[in-house]
Amino acid sequence: MNSSHNLALAGFTLEDKGNEQQTPLPVSSTTSLATSQWHAFLTLGFSKTARGTVLKTCDHQGPLYVQKPFYPEGKDTAHVYLLHPPGGLVSGDRLTITANLAENTHVLITTPGAGRVYRAREDKSLQHQIVQLNVAANSLMEWLPQETILYPNAHTRLENCIDLAENAKFIGWEITCFGLPANQQGFGEGHAEQGFQIRQHGRLKVRERLVIDSQSRAVFSSKAGLDGQPINGLMIAGPFDLNTNHDELMDRLRQYCTQHGSLSGVSLVGEYIMVRSIHDDSEQVKQLFIQCWQDIRPALLGKESKEPRIWST
């Protein structure tokens, strides 16, 4: 049976579309092709060998790459840090990040610092980032980047697409700061489109979309939106086995959200746990998500949490 779930918080919607044909995330009609800037890509391929999970292939163009993986948990789990020396997107930039996990691999990808989308030029050329994660059977993918700062008047589209094969698992989050709250600067007349979608066996299971434009700017102040807060966080983990009782885990996560002291909540929608938070401090949202991750990870992946070293520097 197909179902559709709509969650009002922060203007997101989640939908289970059944066996619908794969379609890309929506494309803005305001995209400009007139300005050609840096189109960089990074394609990573991970395989399982006698040495554990290894980075088998690494193709890149432009200022986007990784150094060697780290193994703080042992050979079977590779920690990878994405490096983007320019530090952010300017008008016309396009970054495409692809990770292909072969069977029985486990990869955790994070970033050494916040991502940035700078103020757009007057021509409003799109600042575009695409993340495509392809996770083969019995593999584990963790996508845990630091926050993304959208500068006042940025014009951006940020897409996250995850394809899961049989018995593959995923934990990921997205923390977005609209404007520069420390400098008392809001998002201004900025335009932002964010998409987060997950497929299992080609079937669309999760589709989240947030659009901020001239028609939807009221989401910043709406009680059903950001409620005046500049930070929006979303964490997704799954798929969980629905034949197993997850009440104890959900109770702990809800307790963390209550203790967090902001508008935060957790729900089990289909096979996926969703944690949402809006706040005025991105570090607080990140700490909440890490706390939730420390309980979700052993429940979903069967492994205790081991924070990437870069988070402590």
Protein backbone atom coordinates (compact mmCIF):
# COMPACT_ATOMS: atom_id res chain seq x y z
CA MET A 1 0.00 0.00 0.00
CA ASN A 2 1.35 3.42 -0.89
CA SER A 3 1.28 6.10 1.76
CA SER A 4 2.08 9.79 2.05
CA HIS A 5 3.31 11.49 5.20
CA ASN A 6 3.53 15.28 5.47
CA LEU A 7 5.51 16.93 8.25
CA ALA A 8 5.05 20.66 8.59
CA LEU A 9 8.12 21.49 10.67
CA ALA A 10 10.49 23.73 8.71
CA GLY A 11 8.50 23.37 5.53
CA PHE A 12 9.66 19.81 4.79
CA THR A 13 7.53 17.03 3.35
CA LEU A 14 8.24 13.32 3.53
CA GLU A 15 6.62 10.99 1.06
CA ASP A 16 6.61 7.25 0.31
CA LYS A 17 5.86 7.04 -3.39
CA GLY A 18 5.92 3.28 -3.77
CA ASN A 19 7.40 1.90 -6.97
CA GLU A 20 7.37 5.15 -8.86
CA GLN A 21 9.91 5.68 -11.63
CA GLN A 22 13.07 7.45 -10.49
CA THR A 23 13.00 11.19 -11.04
CA PRO A 24 15.55 13.85 -10.13
CA LEU A 25 14.90 16.41 -7.46
CA PRO A 26 12.99 19.44 -8.72
CA VAL A 27 14.91 21.96 -10.81
CA SER A 28 14.40 25.64 -10.15
CA SER A 29 13.10 27.75 -13.00
CA THR A 30 15.52 30.44 -11.90
CA THR A 31 18.62 28.43 -12.82
CA SER A 32 20.99 30.45 -14.99
CA LEU A 33 23.26 28.80 -17.53
CA ALA A 34 24.71 32.09 -18.71
CA THR A 35 27.50 32.14 -16.15
CA SER A 36 30.13 29.38 -16.31
CA GLN A 37 32.10 28.88 -13.13
CA TRP A 38 33.91 25.98 -11.50
CA HIS A 39 32.22 22.61 -11.99
CA ALA A 40 34.10 20.26 -9.68
CA PHE A 41 33.42 16.60 -8.99
CA LEU A 42 34.68 13.88 -6.70
CA THR A 43 33.86 10.20 -7.23
CA LEU A 44 34.93 7.71 -4.56
CA GLY A 45 34.81 3.92 -4.85
CA PHE A 46 35.08 1.70 -1.78
CA SER A 47 35.67 -2.07 -1.76
CA LYS A 48 36.06 -4.86 0.79
CA THR A 49 39.47 -6.55 0.75
CA ALA A 50 41.59 -8.57 3.16
CA ARG A 51 42.71 -5.20 4.50
CA GLY A 52 39.11 -4.21 5.26
CA THR A 53 37.16 -1.35 3.66
CA VAL A 54 39.54 0.45 1.31
CA LEU A 55 39.29 3.47 -0.95
CA LYS A 56 39.77 1.69 -4.26
CA THR A 57 39.19 4.58 -6.67
CA CYS A 58 39.27 8.36 -6.31
CA ASP A 59 38.55 10.53 -9.35
CA HIS A 60 38.29 14.28 -9.04
CA GLN A 61 38.26 17.48 -10.98
CA GLY A 62 38.69 20.89 -9.46
CA PRO A 63 39.32 21.77 -5.81
CA LEU A 64 37.49 18.82 -4.28
CA TYR A 65 39.27 15.73 -2.97
CA VAL A 66 40.09 13.51 0.00
CA GLN A 67 43.25 12.34 1.66
CA LYS A 68 43.75 8.73 2.77
CA PRO A 69 40.99 7.17 4.92
CA PHE A 70 41.44 6.84 8.66
CA TYR A 71 40.62 3.71 10.68
CA PRO A 72 40.01 4.66 14.34
CA GLU A 73 37.54 1.74 14.62
CA GLY A 74 39.67 -0.86 12.90
CA LYS A 75 40.09 -1.94 9.31
CA ASP A 76 36.43 -2.55 8.50
CA THR A 77 35.25 1.07 8.89
CA ALA A 78 36.82 3.84 6.82
CA HIS A 79 36.55 7.45 8.02
CA VAL A 80 36.92 9.92 5.14
CA TYR A 81 37.25 13.71 5.28
CA LEU A 82 36.03 15.75 2.33
CA LEU A 83 38.32 18.65 1.48
CA HIS A 84 37.18 21.72 -0.46
CA PRO A 85 39.99 24.30 -0.17
CA PRO A 86 37.95 27.27 -1.49
CA GLY A 87 35.64 26.71 1.48
CA GLY A 88 32.40 27.56 -0.26
CA LEU A 89 30.31 28.05 -3.38
CA VAL A 90 30.16 31.25 -5.42
CA SER A 91 27.74 32.02 -8.22
CA GLY A 92 27.85 29.45 -10.99
CA ASP A 93 29.75 26.83 -8.97
CA ARG A 94 28.65 23.22 -9.09
CA LEU A 95 30.04 20.47 -6.86
CA THR A 96 29.14 16.82 -7.43
CA ILE A 97 30.15 14.32 -4.74
CA THR A 98 29.59 10.61 -5.43
CA ALA A 99 30.43 7.66 -3.18
CA ASN A 100 30.01 4.09 -4.46
CA LEU A 101 30.17 1.45 -1.73
CA ALA A 102 30.69 -2.15 -2.82
CA GLU A 103 29.15 -4.99 -0.82
CA ASN A 104 30.06 -5.45 2.87
CA THR A 105 31.79 -2.08 3.28
CA HIS A 106 31.34 0.58 5.96
CA VAL A 107 32.18 4.22 5.28
CA LEU A 108 31.77 7.35 7.40
CA ILE A 109 32.18 10.65 5.52
CA THR A 110 32.47 14.00 7.26
CA THR A 111 34.06 17.41 6.69
CA PRO A 112 36.78 19.26 8.62
CA GLY A 113 34.73 22.45 8.85
CA ALA A 114 31.54 24.21 7.90
CA GLY A 115 30.50 24.43 4.26
CA ARG A 116 29.58 27.86 2.90
CA VAL A 117 27.42 29.23 0.14
CA TYR A 118 28.43 32.84 -0.40
CA ARG A 119 26.32 35.81 -1.44
CA ALA A 120 25.17 35.42 -5.05
CA ARG A 121 26.04 37.82 -7.83
CA GLU A 122 23.37 40.04 -9.34
CA ASP A 123 22.72 37.52 -12.13
CA LYS A 124 21.67 34.94 -9.48
CA SER A 125 23.65 32.11 -11.10
CA LEU A 126 22.92 28.94 -9.17
CA GLN A 127 25.27 27.66 -6.47
CA HIS A 128 24.69 23.92 -6.72
CA GLN A 129 25.88 20.91 -4.71
CA ILE A 130 24.86 17.33 -5.46
CA VAL A 131 25.65 14.40 -3.16
CA GLN A 132 24.98 10.90 -4.55
CA LEU A 133 25.60 7.94 -2.23
CA ASN A 134 25.22 4.43 -3.72
CA VAL A 135 25.28 1.75 -1.03
CA ALA A 136 25.51 -1.89 -2.12
CA ALA A 137 24.10 -4.92 -0.31
CA ASN A 138 25.05 -5.35 3.37
CA SER A 139 26.96 -2.07 3.42
CA LEU A 140 26.79 0.82 5.88
CA MET A 141 26.95 4.51 4.97
CA GLU A 142 27.26 7.42 7.39
CA TRP A 143 27.05 10.94 5.93
CA LEU A 144 27.85 13.34 8.79
CA PRO A 145 29.09 16.70 7.44
CA GLN A 146 29.55 19.82 9.52
CA GLU A 147 26.98 22.58 9.13
CA THR A 148 26.36 24.51 5.91
CA ILE A 149 26.19 28.31 6.17
CA LEU A 150 24.01 30.06 3.60
CA TYR A 151 25.17 33.67 3.40
CA PRO A 152 22.66 36.50 3.00
CA ASN A 153 21.25 36.58 -0.55
CA ALA A 154 22.77 33.24 -1.59
CA HIS A 155 21.05 31.42 -4.45
CA THR A 156 21.54 27.70 -3.96
CA ARG A 157 20.30 24.18 -4.48
CA LEU A 158 21.62 21.40 -2.21
CA GLU A 159 20.67 17.83 -3.14
CA ASN A 160 21.29 14.59 -1.25
CA CYS A 161 20.37 11.34 -3.02
CA ILE A 162 20.92 7.97 -1.34
CA ASP A 163 20.37 4.62 -3.08
CA LEU A 164 20.31 1.58 -0.78
CA ALA A 165 20.55 -2.03 -1.94
CA GLU A 166 19.42 -5.09 0.02
CA ASN A 167 20.18 -4.86 3.75
CA ALA A 168 22.12 -1.61 3.32
CA LYS A 169 21.86 0.95 6.14
CA PHE A 170 22.21 4.71 6.28
CA ILE A 171 22.67 7.44 8.89
CA GLY A 172 22.93 11.03 7.74
CA TRP A 173 22.23 14.59 8.73
CA GLU A 174 22.04 18.09 7.36
CA ILE A 175 22.48 21.22 9.49
CA THR A 176 21.77 24.49 7.71
CA CYS A 177 22.36 28.02 8.95
CA PHE A 178 20.35 30.69 7.13
CA GLY A 179 22.32 33.93 7.18
CA LEU A 180 24.96 35.01 9.66
CA PRO A 181 23.16 35.18 13.02
CA ALA A 182 26.35 35.99 14.95
CA ASN A 183 26.54 39.18 12.88
CA GLN A 184 22.79 39.82 13.13
CA GLN A 185 22.41 39.19 9.39
CA GLY A 186 19.47 37.18 8.13
CA PHE A 187 19.13 35.31 4.84
CA GLY A 188 17.80 38.47 3.19
CA GLU A 189 16.41 37.92 -0.29
CA GLY A 190 18.22 34.61 -0.64
CA HIS A 191 16.85 31.58 -2.49
CA ALA A 192 17.42 28.04 -1.24
CA GLU A 193 16.23 24.61 -2.34
CA GLN A 194 17.19 21.56 -0.30
CA GLY A 195 16.37 17.98 -1.13
CA PHE A 196 17.02 14.73 0.74
CA GLN A 197 15.78 11.50 -0.80
CA ILE A 198 16.38 7.82 -0.06
CA ARG A 199 15.58 4.84 -2.26
CA GLN A 200 15.59 1.15 -1.39
CA HIS A 201 15.75 -1.29 -4.30
CA GLY A 202 14.79 1.61 -6.57
CA ARG A 203 11.70 2.44 -4.50
CA LEU A 204 11.42 5.96 -3.14
CA LYS A 205 11.13 5.79 0.65
CA VAL A 206 12.02 9.28 1.84
CA ARG A 207 11.67 12.55 0.03
CA GLU A 208 12.32 15.75 1.95
CA ARG A 209 12.23 19.13 0.27
CA LEU A 210 12.58 22.67 1.60
CA VAL A 211 12.16 25.72 -0.63
CA ILE A 212 12.85 29.28 0.47
CA ASP A 213 11.91 31.88 -2.13
CA SER A 214 9.84 35.04 -2.46
CA GLN A 215 6.61 33.03 -2.16
CA SER A 216 7.64 30.97 0.87
CA ARG A 217 9.73 33.39 2.95
CA ALA A 218 7.10 33.31 5.70
CA VAL A 219 8.50 29.89 6.69
CA PHE A 220 11.19 31.77 8.66
CA SER A 221 8.64 33.15 11.13
CA SER A 222 5.90 30.51 10.91
CA LYS A 223 5.23 28.26 13.90
CA ALA A 224 5.04 25.40 11.39
CA GLY A 225 8.37 26.51 9.92
CA LEU A 226 11.56 27.83 11.52
CA ASP A 227 9.70 29.85 14.18
CA GLY A 228 12.22 32.69 13.97
CA GLN A 229 15.28 30.45 14.36
CA PRO A 230 18.12 30.58 11.80
CA ILE A 231 19.33 26.96 12.19
CA ASN A 232 17.48 24.00 10.70
CA GLY A 233 18.65 20.44 11.35
CA LEU A 234 17.45 17.12 9.96
CA MET A 235 18.81 13.67 10.83
CA ILE A 236 17.64 10.47 9.09
CA ALA A 237 18.55 6.87 9.98
CA GLY A 238 17.32 3.55 8.65
CA PRO A 239 15.88 1.34 7.48
CA PHE A 240 14.95 -0.20 10.84
CA ASP A 241 13.36 -3.61 11.19
CA LEU A 242 9.69 -2.92 11.90
CA ASN A 243 9.34 -6.36 13.52
CA THR A 244 11.58 -5.16 16.35
CA ASN A 245 10.34 -2.94 19.16
CA HIS A 246 12.13 0.43 19.10
CA ASP A 247 10.19 2.11 21.92
CA GLU A 248 13.15 2.23 24.31
CA LEU A 249 15.39 3.85 21.69
CA MET A 250 12.69 6.35 20.73
CA ASP A 251 12.12 7.26 24.38
CA ARG A 252 15.83 8.01 24.87
CA LEU A 253 15.95 10.13 21.72
CA ARG A 254 12.89 12.08 22.80
CA GLN A 255 14.50 12.66 26.19
CA TYR A 256 17.59 14.10 24.47
CA CYS A 257 15.38 16.41 22.42
CA THR A 258 13.58 17.59 25.58
CA GLN A 259 16.87 18.23 27.40
CA HIS A 260 18.20 20.10 24.39
CA GLY A 261 16.08 23.12 25.21
CA SER A 262 15.04 24.02 21.68
CA LEU A 263 12.26 22.99 19.34
CA SER A 264 13.39 19.45 18.59
CA GLY A 265 11.57 16.20 18.00
CA VAL A 266 11.90 12.62 16.85
CA SER A 267 9.54 10.33 14.97
CA LEU A 268 9.56 6.90 13.36
CA VAL A 269 8.10 7.28 9.87
CA GLY A 270 7.95 3.98 8.05
CA GLU A 271 11.35 2.33 8.54
CA TYR A 272 13.21 5.57 9.23
CA ILE A 273 13.91 7.53 12.39
CA MET A 274 13.73 11.29 11.80
CA VAL A 275 15.23 13.80 14.24
CA ARG A 276 14.50 17.48 13.61
CA SER A 277 15.74 20.56 15.40
CA ILE A 278 15.53 24.32 14.96
CA HIS A 279 17.80 26.56 17.03
CA ASP A 280 19.83 29.76 17.10
CA ASP A 281 23.15 27.89 17.51
CA SER A 282 24.40 25.32 14.99
CA GLU A 283 26.83 23.82 17.50
CA GLN A 284 23.94 22.95 19.80
CA VAL A 285 22.12 21.19 16.97
CA LYS A 286 25.27 19.25 16.08
CA GLN A 287 25.74 18.16 19.69
CA LEU A 288 22.12 16.94 19.83
CA PHE A 289 22.60 14.95 16.63
CA ILE A 290 25.85 13.42 17.90
CA GLN A 291 24.09 12.39 21.11
CA CYS A 292 21.29 10.78 19.10
CA TRP A 293 23.83 9.15 16.74
CA GLN A 294 25.58 7.53 19.70
CA ASP A 295 22.37 5.61 20.48
CA ILE A 296 21.09 5.10 16.93
CA ARG A 297 24.36 3.68 15.60
CA PRO A 298 24.54 0.52 17.75
CA ALA A 299 20.80 -0.05 17.32
CA LEU A 300 20.91 0.20 13.52
CA LEU A 301 24.49 -0.72 12.57
CA GLY A 302 25.43 -2.98 15.47
CA LYS A 303 28.52 -0.85 16.22
CA GLU A 304 29.35 1.49 19.07
CA SER A 305 29.94 5.11 18.11
CA LYS A 306 33.45 6.38 17.47
CA GLU A 307 33.59 10.09 16.75
CA PRO A 308 35.84 11.18 13.89
CA ARG A 309 39.02 12.77 15.22
CA ILE A 310 38.47 15.88 13.13
CA TRP A 311 35.46 16.79 15.29
CA SER A 312 37.80 17.33 18.25
CA THR A 313 40.19 19.72 16.48
